[in-house]
PDB file of N, CA and C in Angstrom:
ATOM      1  N   MET A   1       0.828  -1.184   0.000  1.00  0.00           N
ATOM      2  CA  MET A   1       0.000   0.000   0.000  1.00  0.00           C
ATOM      3  C   MET A   1       0.885   1.264   0.000  1.00  0.00           C
ATOM      4  N   ILE A   2       1.840   1.334   0.898  1.00  0.00           N
ATOM      5  CA  ILE A   2       2.700   2.508   0.965  1.00  0.00           C
ATOM      6  C   ILE A   2       3.609   2.573  -0.258  1.00  0.00           C
ATOM      7  N   GLY A   3       4.105   1.408  -0.680  1.00  0.00           N
ATOM      8  CA  GLY A   3       4.944   1.364  -1.872  1.00  0.00           C
ATOM      9  C   GLY A   3       4.217   1.839  -3.113  1.00  0.00           C
ATOM     10  N   ARG A   4       2.968   1.458  -3.226  1.00  0.00           N
ATOM     11  CA  ARG A   4       2.170   1.890  -4.375  1.00  0.00           C
ATOM     12  C   ARG A   4       1.970   3.406  -4.355  1.00  0.00           C
ATOM     13  N   GLN A   5       1.762   3.955  -3.159  1.00  0.00           N
ATOM     14  CA  GLN A   5       1.587   5.405  -3.039  1.00  0.00           C
ATOM     15  C   GLN A   5       2.881   6.136  -3.399  1.00  0.00           C
ATOM     16  N   LEU A   6       4.021   5.597  -2.938  1.00  0.00           N
ATOM     17  CA  LEU A   6       5.297   6.206  -3.305  1.00  0.00           C
ATOM     18  C   LEU A   6       5.517   6.147  -4.808  1.00  0.00           C
ATOM     19  N   TRP A   7       5.225   5.004  -5.399  1.00  0.00           N
ATOM     20  CA  TRP A   7       5.365   4.855  -6.857  1.00  0.00           C
ATOM     21  C   TRP A   7       4.511   5.906  -7.567  1.00  0.00           C
ATOM     22  N   SER A   8       3.288   6.079  -7.081  1.00  0.00           N
ATOM     23  CA  SER A   8       2.381   7.057  -7.680  1.00  0.00           C
ATOM     24  C   SER A   8       2.952   8.472  -7.566  1.00  0.00           C
ATOM     25  N   GLU A   9       3.489   8.808  -6.388  1.00  0.00           N
ATOM     26  CA  GLU A   9       4.035  10.149  -6.190  1.00  0.00           C
ATOM     27  C   GLU A   9       5.276  10.374  -7.052  1.00  0.00           C
ATOM     28  N   PHE A  10       6.133   9.374  -7.157  1.00  0.00           N
ATOM     29  CA  PHE A  10       7.361   9.540  -7.934  1.00  0.00           C
ATOM     30  C   PHE A  10       7.090   9.591  -9.431  1.00  0.00           C
ATOM     31  N   PHE A  11       6.308   8.661  -9.944  1.00  0.00           N
ATOM     32  CA  PHE A  11       6.231   8.478 -11.386  1.00  0.00           C
ATOM     33  C   PHE A  11       4.942   8.996 -12.025  1.00  0.00           C
ATOM     34  N   SER A  12       3.814   8.847 -11.366  1.00  0.00           N
ATOM     35  CA  SER A  12       2.569   9.318 -11.973  1.00  0.00           C
ATOM     36  C   SER A  12       2.364  10.809 -11.754  1.00  0.00           C
ATOM     37  N   ASN A  13       2.489  11.240 -10.494  1.00  0.00           N
ATOM     38  CA  ASN A  13       2.250  12.652 -10.176  1.00  0.00           C
ATOM     39  C   ASN A  13       3.473  13.518 -10.414  1.00  0.00           C
ATOM     40  N   ARG A  14       4.640  12.889 -10.496  1.00  0.00           N
ATOM     41  CA  ARG A  14       5.911  13.590 -10.656  1.00  0.00           C
ATOM     42  C   ARG A  14       6.126  14.639  -9.561  1.00  0.00           C
ATOM     43  N   ASP A  15       5.701  14.281  -8.352  1.00  0.00           N
ATOM     44  CA  ASP A  15       5.889  15.155  -7.196  1.00  0.00           C
ATOM     45  C   ASP A  15       7.096  14.652  -6.413  1.00  0.00           C
ATOM     46  N   TRP A  16       8.287  14.951  -6.938  1.00  0.00           N
ATOM     47  CA  TRP A  16       9.519  14.426  -6.367  1.00  0.00           C
ATOM     48  C   TRP A  16       9.777  14.905  -4.949  1.00  0.00           C
ATOM     49  N   PRO A  17       9.553  16.166  -4.606  1.00  0.00           N
ATOM     50  CA  PRO A  17       9.826  16.585  -3.222  1.00  0.00           C
ATOM     51  C   PRO A  17       8.960  15.851  -2.193  1.00  0.00           C
ATOM     52  N   LEU A  18       7.689  15.702  -2.474  1.00  0.00           N
ATOM     53  CA  LEU A  18       6.812  14.995  -1.535  1.00  0.00           C
ATOM     54  C   LEU A  18       7.196  13.533  -1.433  1.00  0.00           C
ATOM     55  N   ALA A  19       7.466  12.892  -2.550  1.00  0.00           N
ATOM     56  CA  ALA A  19       7.839  11.476  -2.536  1.00  0.00           C
ATOM     57  C   ALA A  19       9.157  11.280  -1.799  1.00  0.00           C
ATOM     58  N   SER A  20      10.090  12.163  -1.980  1.00  0.00           N
ATOM     59  CA  SER A  20      11.367  12.059  -1.270  1.00  0.00           C
ATOM     60  C   SER A  20      11.173  12.245   0.230  1.00  0.00           C
ATOM     61  N   ALA A  21      10.341  13.189   0.610  1.00  0.00           N
ATOM     62  CA  ALA A  21      10.069  13.408   2.028  1.00  0.00           C
ATOM     63  C   ALA A  21       9.400  12.185   2.654  1.00  0.00           C
ATOM     64  N   VAL A  22       8.466  11.589   1.958  1.00  0.00           N
ATOM     65  CA  VAL A  22       7.796  10.391   2.469  1.00  0.00           C
ATOM     66  C   VAL A  22       8.785   9.236   2.570  1.00  0.00           C
ATOM     67  N   ALA A  23       9.652   9.084   1.600  1.00  0.00           N
ATOM     68  CA  ALA A  23      10.647   8.008   1.640  1.00  0.00           C
ATOM     69  C   ALA A  23      11.599   8.188   2.817  1.00  0.00           C
ATOM     70  N   ILE A  24      12.043   9.406   3.069  1.00  0.00           N
ATOM     71  CA  ILE A  24      12.929   9.669   4.206  1.00  0.00           C
ATOM     72  C   ILE A  24      12.198   9.418   5.518  1.00  0.00           C
ATOM     73  N   LEU A  25      10.960   9.827   5.601  1.00  0.00           N
ATOM     74  CA  LEU A  25      10.160   9.584   6.807  1.00  0.00           C
ATOM     75  C   LEU A  25      10.018   8.086   7.072  1.00  0.00           C
ATOM     76  N   LEU A  26       9.750   7.311   6.037  1.00  0.00           N
ATOM     77  CA  LEU A  26       9.639   5.863   6.201  1.00  0.00           C
ATOM     78  C   LEU A  26      10.974   5.257   6.629  1.00  0.00           C
ATOM     79  N   LEU A  27      12.051   5.763   6.087  1.00  0.00           N
ATOM     80  CA  LEU A  27      13.377   5.284   6.474  1.00  0.00           C
ATOM     81  C   LEU A  27      13.644   5.570   7.947  1.00  0.00           C
ATOM     82  N   ILE A  28      13.301   6.746   8.408  1.00  0.00           N
ATOM     83  CA  ILE A  28      13.482   7.100   9.820  1.00  0.00           C
ATOM     84  C   ILE A  28      12.614   6.216  10.708  1.00  0.00           C
ATOM     85  N   ILE A  29      11.367   5.997  10.291  1.00  0.00           N
ATOM     86  CA  ILE A  29      10.465   5.144  11.067  1.00  0.00           C
ATOM     87  C   ILE A  29      11.015   3.723  11.164  1.00  0.00           C
ATOM     88  N   LEU A  30      11.730   3.278  10.170  1.00  0.00           N
ATOM     89  CA  LEU A  30      12.306   1.941  10.173  1.00  0.00           C
ATOM     90  C   LEU A  30      13.609   1.878  10.968  1.00  0.00           C
ATOM     91  N   VAL A  31      14.478   2.863  10.825  1.00  0.00           N
ATOM     92  CA  VAL A  31      15.809   2.808  11.408  1.00  0.00           C
ATOM     93  C   VAL A  31      15.813   3.121  12.903  1.00  0.00           C
ATOM     94  N   VAL A  32      15.027   4.076  13.349  1.00  0.00           N
ATOM     95  CA  VAL A  32      15.050   4.495  14.757  1.00  0.00           C
ATOM     96  C   VAL A  32      14.741   3.336  15.707  1.00  0.00           C
ATOM     97  N   PRO A  33      13.694   2.550  15.497  1.00  0.00           N
ATOM     98  CA  PRO A  33      13.460   1.428  16.421  1.00  0.00           C
ATOM     99  C   PRO A  33      14.585   0.389  16.401  1.00  0.00           C
ATOM    100  N   ILE A  34      15.208   0.173  15.261  1.00  0.00           N
ATOM    101  CA  ILE A  34      16.315  -0.781  15.184  1.00  0.00           C
ATOM    102  C   ILE A  34      17.491  -0.283  16.016  1.00  0.00           C
ATOM    103  N   VAL A  35      17.812   0.985  15.918  1.00  0.00           N
ATOM    104  CA  VAL A  35      18.917   1.555  16.690  1.00  0.00           C
ATOM    105  C   VAL A  35      18.607   1.490  18.185  1.00  0.00           C
ATOM    106  N   ILE A  36      17.388   1.805  18.559  1.00  0.00           N
ATOM    107  CA  ILE A  36      16.997   1.736  19.971  1.00  0.00           C
ATOM    108  C   ILE A  36      17.089   0.299  20.472  1.00  0.00           C
ATOM    109  N   TYR A  37      16.635  -0.652  19.685  1.00  0.00           N
ATOM    110  CA  TYR A  37      16.698  -2.057  20.073  1.00  0.00           C
ATOM    111  C   TYR A  37      18.147  -2.502  20.266  1.00  0.00           C
ATOM    112  N   ARG A  38      19.026  -2.119  19.345  1.00  0.00           N
ATOM    113  CA  ARG A  38      20.442  -2.483  19.474  1.00  0.00           C
ATOM    114  C   ARG A  38      21.042  -1.923  20.749  1.00  0.00           C
ATOM    115  N   ASP A  39      20.702  -0.682  21.085  1.00  0.00           N
ATOM    116  CA  ASP A  39      21.222  -0.057  22.288  1.00  0.00           C
ATOM    117  C   ASP A  39      20.721  -0.774  23.541  1.00  0.00           C
ATOM    118  N   VAL A  40      19.453  -1.075  23.582  1.00  0.00           N
ATOM    119  CA  VAL A  40      18.869  -1.774  24.737  1.00  0.00           C
ATOM    120  C   VAL A  40      19.489  -3.160  24.891  1.00  0.00           C
ATOM    121  N   GLU A  41      19.645  -3.877  23.792  1.00  0.00           N
ATOM    122  CA  GLU A  41      20.231  -5.219  23.860  1.00  0.00           C
ATOM    123  C   GLU A  41      21.699  -5.162  24.291  1.00  0.00           C
ATOM    124  N   ALA A  42      22.441  -4.177  23.836  1.00  0.00           N
ATOM    125  CA  ALA A  42      23.841  -4.046  24.241  1.00  0.00           C
ATOM    126  C   ALA A  42      23.942  -3.787  25.737  1.00  0.00           C
ATOM    127  N   ARG A  43      23.078  -2.961  26.248  1.00  0.00           N
ATOM    128  CA  ARG A  43      23.076  -2.698  27.696  1.00  0.00           C
ATOM    129  C   ARG A  43      22.680  -3.938  28.473  1.00  0.00           C
ATOM    130  N   ARG A  44      21.733  -4.682  27.955  1.00  0.00           N
ATOM    131  CA  ARG A  44      21.274  -5.907  28.641  1.00  0.00           C
ATOM    132  C   ARG A  44      22.392  -6.941  28.684  1.00  0.00           C
ATOM    133  N   VAL A  45      23.124  -7.071  27.610  1.00  0.00           N
ATOM    134  CA  VAL A  45      24.223  -8.040  27.556  1.00  0.00           C
ATOM    135  C   VAL A  45      25.354  -7.616  28.502  1.00  0.00           C
ATOM    136  N   GLU A  46      25.646  -6.319  28.562  1.00  0.00           N
ATOM    137  CA  GLU A  46      26.686  -5.837  29.455  1.00  0.00           C
ATOM    138  C   GLU A  46      26.307  -6.008  30.913  1.00  0.00           C
ATOM    139  N   ALA A  47      25.055  -5.938  31.240  1.00  0.00           N
ATOM    140  CA  ALA A  47      24.587  -6.037  32.630  1.00  0.00           C
ATOM    141  C   ALA A  47      24.520  -7.484  33.103  1.00  0.00           C
ATOM    142  N   ARG A  48      24.652  -8.430  32.206  1.00  0.00           N
ATOM    143  CA  ARG A  48      24.598  -9.834  32.561  1.00  0.00           C
ATOM    144  C   ARG A  48      25.813 -10.195  33.430  1.00  0.00           C
ATOM    145  N   PRO A  49      25.580 -10.906  34.539  1.00  0.00           N
ATOM    146  CA  PRO A  49      26.713 -11.263  35.418  1.00  0.00           C
ATOM    147  C   PRO A  49      27.626 -12.313  34.831  1.00  0.00           C
TER     148      PRO A  49
END
């Protein structure tokens, strides 16, 4: 669903700024939880006796 909307914004509507902003937003939404998870797991492993 989101991919189809991005495709539409990039190629059908030719609205490159909006499509780029949405792509960056999706990237941030994906990367931030992964980074937080890695940090939490690293702390958990270090705290193990």
